[in-house]
Amino acid sequence: MGVKTHKHTIDILFVLILFCVFAFSVIMVLGTGAGVYSNIVDGMEANYDFRTSSAYLFNKVHRSDAGGNVRCGTFGDSDALLLLEEIDNIYYCTYLYYYDGALMELFTRYGQEIAPEYGTEIMKLDSYKLKQLSPSLYEFEIVSEEGESSVLYVHTRTKSVNDDE
């Protein structure tokens, strides 16, 4: 009888150790999977920010692309894209500019003095730069909060009014 009791204790101990190894393996696999999932989600969010900001700028420019209504300028201390439109014989302007760590949009009467903080935040960015390369070609350089940069070139069908060409 003493042999059977000793053999039974070893069997239970073996099963218990095997269960602990299995449980530890499951916890490690779940932890690794959660880390991989988190990295994938972070990458997708950064990619979404770039796609969204690029698509937003592209669509805003092409929506206003009539009669030279797209212009480069400044607003506050930042480069700004000015999108003009006439409503009931009054000119209005949509300013797209960088302020306080974000791409901002402000719609107001053209020429009206207004502070940049009154705009609507579109998306958080590290920086936003705008260049007019030709009368109908614009370059947007966007840097995300994570430090990833993207350059977008937008060609308009009409030339900017503020150019002499």
C-alpha atoms as a PDB file:
ATOM      1  CA  MET A   1       0.000   0.000   0.000  1.00  0.00           C
ATOM      2  CA  GLY A   2       2.843   2.447   0.616  1.00  0.00           C
ATOM      3  CA  VAL A   3       3.971   2.089  -3.001  1.00  0.00           C
ATOM      4  CA  LYS A   4       0.539   2.939  -4.399  1.00  0.00           C
ATOM      5  CA  THR A   5       0.265   6.096  -2.267  1.00  0.00           C
ATOM      6  CA  HIS A   6       3.711   7.320  -3.365  1.00  0.00           C
ATOM      7  CA  LYS A   7       2.913   6.621  -7.040  1.00  0.00           C
ATOM      8  CA  HIS A   8      -0.381   8.479  -6.712  1.00  0.00           C
ATOM      9  CA  THR A   9       1.371  11.609  -5.313  1.00  0.00           C
ATOM     10  CA  ILE A  10       3.831  11.654  -8.230  1.00  0.00           C
ATOM     11  CA  ASP A  11       0.943  11.324 -10.710  1.00  0.00           C
ATOM     12  CA  ILE A  12      -0.870  14.313  -9.140  1.00  0.00           C
ATOM     13  CA  LEU A  13       2.354  16.337  -8.989  1.00  0.00           C
ATOM     14  CA  PHE A  14       3.073  15.570 -12.686  1.00  0.00           C
ATOM     15  CA  VAL A  15      -0.441  16.619 -13.732  1.00  0.00           C
ATOM     16  CA  LEU A  16      -0.221  19.785 -11.608  1.00  0.00           C
ATOM     17  CA  ILE A  17       3.158  20.745 -13.129  1.00  0.00           C
ATOM     18  CA  LEU A  18       1.851  19.996 -16.626  1.00  0.00           C
ATOM     19  CA  PHE A  19      -1.210  22.196 -15.948  1.00  0.00           C
ATOM     20  CA  CYS A  20       1.011  25.048 -14.661  1.00  0.00           C
ATOM     21  CA  VAL A  21       3.235  24.841 -17.764  1.00  0.00           C
ATOM     22  CA  PHE A  22       0.141  24.887 -19.997  1.00  0.00           C
ATOM     23  CA  ALA A  23      -1.393  27.849 -18.091  1.00  0.00           C
ATOM     24  CA  PHE A  24       1.906  29.761 -18.262  1.00  0.00           C
ATOM     25  CA  SER A  25       2.133  29.087 -22.017  1.00  0.00           C
ATOM     26  CA  VAL A  26      -1.431  30.324 -22.556  1.00  0.00           C
ATOM     27  CA  ILE A  27      -0.715  33.515 -20.592  1.00  0.00           C
ATOM     28  CA  MET A  28       2.470  34.143 -22.584  1.00  0.00           C
ATOM     29  CA  VAL A  29       0.707  33.611 -25.931  1.00  0.00           C
ATOM     30  CA  LEU A  30      -2.132  35.930 -24.906  1.00  0.00           C
ATOM     31  CA  GLY A  31       0.338  38.594 -23.740  1.00  0.00           C
ATOM     32  CA  THR A  32       2.285  38.385 -26.987  1.00  0.00           C
ATOM     33  CA  GLY A  33      -0.918  38.511 -29.029  1.00  0.00           C
ATOM     34  CA  ALA A  34      -2.119  41.587 -27.125  1.00  0.00           C
ATOM     35  CA  GLY A  35       1.200  43.344 -27.801  1.00  0.00           C
ATOM     36  CA  VAL A  36       1.064  42.526 -31.508  1.00  0.00           C
ATOM     37  CA  TYR A  37      -2.559  43.675 -31.702  1.00  0.00           C
ATOM     38  CA  SER A  38      -1.664  46.947 -29.963  1.00  0.00           C
ATOM     39  CA  ASN A  39       1.158  47.592 -32.454  1.00  0.00           C
ATOM     40  CA  ILE A  40      -1.143  46.869 -35.393  1.00  0.00           C
ATOM     41  CA  VAL A  41      -3.816  49.239 -34.046  1.00  0.00           C
ATOM     42  CA  ASP A  42      -1.233  52.005 -33.506  1.00  0.00           C
ATOM     43  CA  GLY A  43       0.054  51.566 -37.057  1.00  0.00           C
ATOM     44  CA  MET A  44      -3.467  51.633 -38.461  1.00  0.00           C
ATOM     45  CA  GLU A  45      -4.274  54.835 -36.548  1.00  0.00           C
ATOM     46  CA  ALA A  46      -1.148  56.577 -37.856  1.00  0.00           C
ATOM     47  CA  ASN A  47      -1.949  55.426 -41.398  1.00  0.00           C
ATOM     48  CA  TYR A  48      -5.546  56.589 -40.971  1.00  0.00           C
ATOM     49  CA  ASP A  49      -4.353  60.043 -39.847  1.00  0.00           C
ATOM     50  CA  PHE A  50      -2.220  60.419 -42.969  1.00  0.00           C
ATOM     51  CA  ARG A  51      -4.884  59.151 -45.328  1.00  0.00           C
ATOM     52  CA  THR A  52      -7.562  61.279 -43.700  1.00  0.00           C
ATOM     53  CA  SER A  53      -5.539  64.499 -43.644  1.00  0.00           C
ATOM     54  CA  SER A  54      -4.351  63.961 -47.230  1.00  0.00           C
ATOM     55  CA  ALA A  55      -7.840  63.125 -48.495  1.00  0.00           C
ATOM     56  CA  TYR A  56      -9.292  66.068 -46.581  1.00  0.00           C
ATOM     57  CA  LEU A  57      -6.843  68.560 -48.109  1.00  0.00           C
ATOM     58  CA  PHE A  58      -7.164  67.032 -51.582  1.00  0.00           C
ATOM     59  CA  ASN A  59     -10.969  67.199 -51.529  1.00  0.00           C
ATOM     60  CA  LYS A  60     -11.067  70.720 -50.101  1.00  0.00           C
ATOM     61  CA  VAL A  61      -8.770  71.995 -52.860  1.00  0.00           C
ATOM     62  CA  HIS A  62     -10.695  70.296 -55.664  1.00  0.00           C
ATOM     63  CA  ARG A  63     -14.035  71.415 -54.269  1.00  0.00           C
ATOM     64  CA  SER A  64     -12.874  75.043 -54.496  1.00  0.00           C
ATOM     65  CA  ASP A  65     -11.044  74.642 -57.793  1.00  0.00           C
ATOM     66  CA  ALA A  66     -12.960  77.109 -59.940  1.00  0.00           C
ATOM     67  CA  GLY A  67     -11.881  80.472 -61.274  1.00  0.00           C
ATOM     68  CA  GLY A  68      -8.649  80.641 -59.279  1.00  0.00           C
ATOM     69  CA  ASN A  69     -10.322  80.418 -55.882  1.00  0.00           C
ATOM     70  CA  VAL A  70      -7.434  78.431 -54.357  1.00  0.00           C
ATOM     71  CA  ARG A  71      -4.599  80.528 -52.952  1.00  0.00           C
ATOM     72  CA  CYS A  72      -1.582  80.263 -50.676  1.00  0.00           C
ATOM     73  CA  GLY A  73      -1.125  82.712 -47.864  1.00  0.00           C
ATOM     74  CA  THR A  74      -0.603  82.976 -44.159  1.00  0.00           C
ATOM     75  CA  PHE A  75      -2.990  82.972 -41.265  1.00  0.00           C
ATOM     76  CA  GLY A  76      -1.686  83.827 -37.841  1.00  0.00           C
ATOM     77  CA  ASP A  77       1.914  82.594 -37.854  1.00  0.00           C
ATOM     78  CA  SER A  78       1.304  79.641 -40.167  1.00  0.00           C
ATOM     79  CA  ASP A  79       1.138  78.808 -43.838  1.00  0.00           C
ATOM     80  CA  ALA A  80      -2.469  78.728 -44.900  1.00  0.00           C
ATOM     81  CA  LEU A  81      -4.478  77.555 -47.828  1.00  0.00           C
ATOM     82  CA  LEU A  82      -7.185  80.067 -48.721  1.00  0.00           C
ATOM     83  CA  LEU A  83     -10.266  78.711 -50.451  1.00  0.00           C
ATOM     84  CA  LEU A  84     -12.462  81.526 -51.715  1.00  0.00           C
ATOM     85  CA  GLU A  85     -16.118  81.377 -52.639  1.00  0.00           C
ATOM     86  CA  GLU A  86     -18.752  83.945 -53.487  1.00  0.00           C
ATOM     87  CA  ILE A  87     -22.146  83.729 -51.797  1.00  0.00           C
ATOM     88  CA  ASP A  88     -24.754  86.419 -52.592  1.00  0.00           C
ATOM     89  CA  ASN A  89     -22.081  88.774 -53.985  1.00  0.00           C
ATOM     90  CA  ILE A  90     -20.003  88.501 -50.780  1.00  0.00           C
ATOM     91  CA  TYR A  91     -16.635  86.738 -50.755  1.00  0.00           C
ATOM     92  CA  TYR A  92     -15.972  84.197 -48.018  1.00  0.00           C
ATOM     93  CA  CYS A  93     -12.782  82.321 -47.292  1.00  0.00           C
ATOM     94  CA  THR A  94     -12.033  78.950 -45.769  1.00  0.00           C
ATOM     95  CA  TYR A  95      -8.590  79.026 -44.167  1.00  0.00           C
ATOM     96  CA  LEU A  96      -6.747  75.718 -43.700  1.00  0.00           C
ATOM     97  CA  TYR A  97      -3.786  76.326 -41.396  1.00  0.00           C
ATOM     98  CA  TYR A  98      -1.676  74.896 -38.585  1.00  0.00           C
ATOM     99  CA  TYR A  99      -2.264  76.174 -35.076  1.00  0.00           C
ATOM    100  CA  ASP A 100      -1.454  74.827 -31.614  1.00  0.00           C
ATOM    101  CA  GLY A 101      -0.493  71.320 -32.790  1.00  0.00           C
ATOM    102  CA  ALA A 102      -3.412  70.760 -35.149  1.00  0.00           C
ATOM    103  CA  LEU A 103      -4.657  71.299 -38.675  1.00  0.00           C
ATOM    104  CA  MET A 104      -7.380  73.921 -38.326  1.00  0.00           C
ATOM    105  CA  GLU A 105     -10.189  75.202 -40.533  1.00  0.00           C
ATOM    106  CA  LEU A 106     -11.889  78.565 -40.302  1.00  0.00           C
ATOM    107  CA  PHE A 107     -14.694  79.831 -42.531  1.00  0.00           C
ATOM    108  CA  THR A 108     -15.211  83.596 -42.441  1.00  0.00           C
ATOM    109  CA  ARG A 109     -15.850  86.620 -44.584  1.00  0.00           C
ATOM    110  CA  TYR A 110     -12.819  87.321 -46.783  1.00  0.00           C
ATOM    111  CA  GLY A 111     -10.564  90.029 -45.376  1.00  0.00           C
ATOM    112  CA  GLN A 112     -12.092  89.931 -41.907  1.00  0.00           C
ATOM    113  CA  GLU A 113      -9.533  90.007 -39.089  1.00  0.00           C
ATOM    114  CA  ILE A 114     -10.010  87.037 -36.788  1.00  0.00           C
ATOM    115  CA  ALA A 115      -7.698  85.153 -34.424  1.00  0.00           C
ATOM    116  CA  PRO A 116      -6.479  81.646 -35.394  1.00  0.00           C
ATOM    117  CA  GLU A 117      -7.720  80.063 -32.157  1.00  0.00           C
ATOM    118  CA  TYR A 118     -11.321  80.497 -33.351  1.00  0.00           C
ATOM    119  CA  GLY A 119     -10.897  77.842 -36.030  1.00  0.00           C
ATOM    120  CA  THR A 120     -12.143  74.275 -35.805  1.00  0.00           C
ATOM    121  CA  GLU A 121      -9.575  71.574 -35.107  1.00  0.00           C
ATOM    122  CA  ILE A 122      -9.544  69.034 -37.911  1.00  0.00           C
ATOM    123  CA  MET A 123      -6.747  66.751 -36.802  1.00  0.00           C
ATOM    124  CA  LYS A 124      -3.714  66.711 -34.487  1.00  0.00           C
ATOM    125  CA  LEU A 125      -0.436  67.097 -36.390  1.00  0.00           C
ATOM    126  CA  ASP A 126       3.163  67.843 -35.492  1.00  0.00           C
ATOM    127  CA  SER A 127       3.554  70.249 -38.410  1.00  0.00           C
ATOM    128  CA  TYR A 128       1.921  71.401 -41.638  1.00  0.00           C
ATOM    129  CA  LYS A 129       3.733  73.251 -44.411  1.00  0.00           C
ATOM    130  CA  LEU A 130       2.372  74.515 -47.692  1.00  0.00           C
ATOM    131  CA  LYS A 131       4.183  75.604 -50.845  1.00  0.00           C
ATOM    132  CA  GLN A 132       2.833  76.775 -54.155  1.00  0.00           C
ATOM    133  CA  LEU A 133       5.167  75.231 -56.728  1.00  0.00           C
ATOM    134  CA  SER A 134       3.415  76.720 -59.751  1.00  0.00           C
ATOM    135  CA  PRO A 135       0.189  78.636 -60.392  1.00  0.00           C
ATOM    136  CA  SER A 136      -1.727  75.365 -60.255  1.00  0.00           C
ATOM    137  CA  LEU A 137       0.455  72.991 -58.193  1.00  0.00           C
ATOM    138  CA  TYR A 138       0.516  72.887 -54.396  1.00  0.00           C
ATOM    139  CA  GLU A 139       2.713  70.869 -52.059  1.00  0.00           C
ATOM    140  CA  PHE A 140       1.540  69.945 -48.560  1.00  0.00           C
ATOM    141  CA  GLU A 141       4.035  68.515 -46.078  1.00  0.00           C
ATOM    142  CA  ILE A 142       2.325  66.875 -43.129  1.00  0.00           C
ATOM    143  CA  VAL A 143       4.103  65.478 -40.064  1.00  0.00           C
ATOM    144  CA  SER A 144       2.041  63.340 -37.698  1.00  0.00           C
ATOM    145  CA  GLU A 145       2.260  63.452 -33.910  1.00  0.00           C
ATOM    146  CA  GLU A 146       4.370  60.274 -34.118  1.00  0.00           C
ATOM    147  CA  GLY A 147       6.911  62.087 -36.332  1.00  0.00           C
ATOM    148  CA  GLU A 148       6.048  60.372 -39.617  1.00  0.00           C
ATOM    149  CA  SER A 149       6.013  62.728 -42.586  1.00  0.00           C
ATOM    150  CA  SER A 150       4.011  62.693 -45.786  1.00  0.00           C
ATOM    151  CA  VAL A 151       4.061  64.944 -48.821  1.00  0.00           C
ATOM    152  CA  LEU A 152       0.949  65.542 -50.903  1.00  0.00           C
ATOM    153  CA  TYR A 153       0.937  67.242 -54.306  1.00  0.00           C
ATOM    154  CA  VAL A 154      -2.348  68.677 -55.533  1.00  0.00           C
ATOM    155  CA  HIS A 155      -2.787  70.030 -59.039  1.00  0.00           C
ATOM    156  CA  THR A 156      -5.692  72.357 -59.722  1.00  0.00           C
ATOM    157  CA  ARG A 157      -7.409  72.784 -63.054  1.00  0.00           C
ATOM    158  CA  THR A 158      -7.339  76.579 -62.760  1.00  0.00           C
ATOM    159  CA  LYS A 159      -4.465  78.873 -61.951  1.00  0.00           C
ATOM    160  CA  SER A 160      -4.354  80.909 -58.787  1.00  0.00           C
ATOM    161  CA  VAL A 161      -5.589  84.487 -59.185  1.00  0.00           C
ATOM    162  CA  ASN A 162      -2.732  85.916 -57.141  1.00  0.00           C
ATOM    163  CA  ASP A 163      -0.132  84.836 -59.746  1.00  0.00           C
ATOM    164  CA  ASP A 164       0.834  86.967 -62.719  1.00  0.00           C
ATOM    165  CA  GLU A 165       1.004  84.058 -65.199  1.00  0.00           C
END
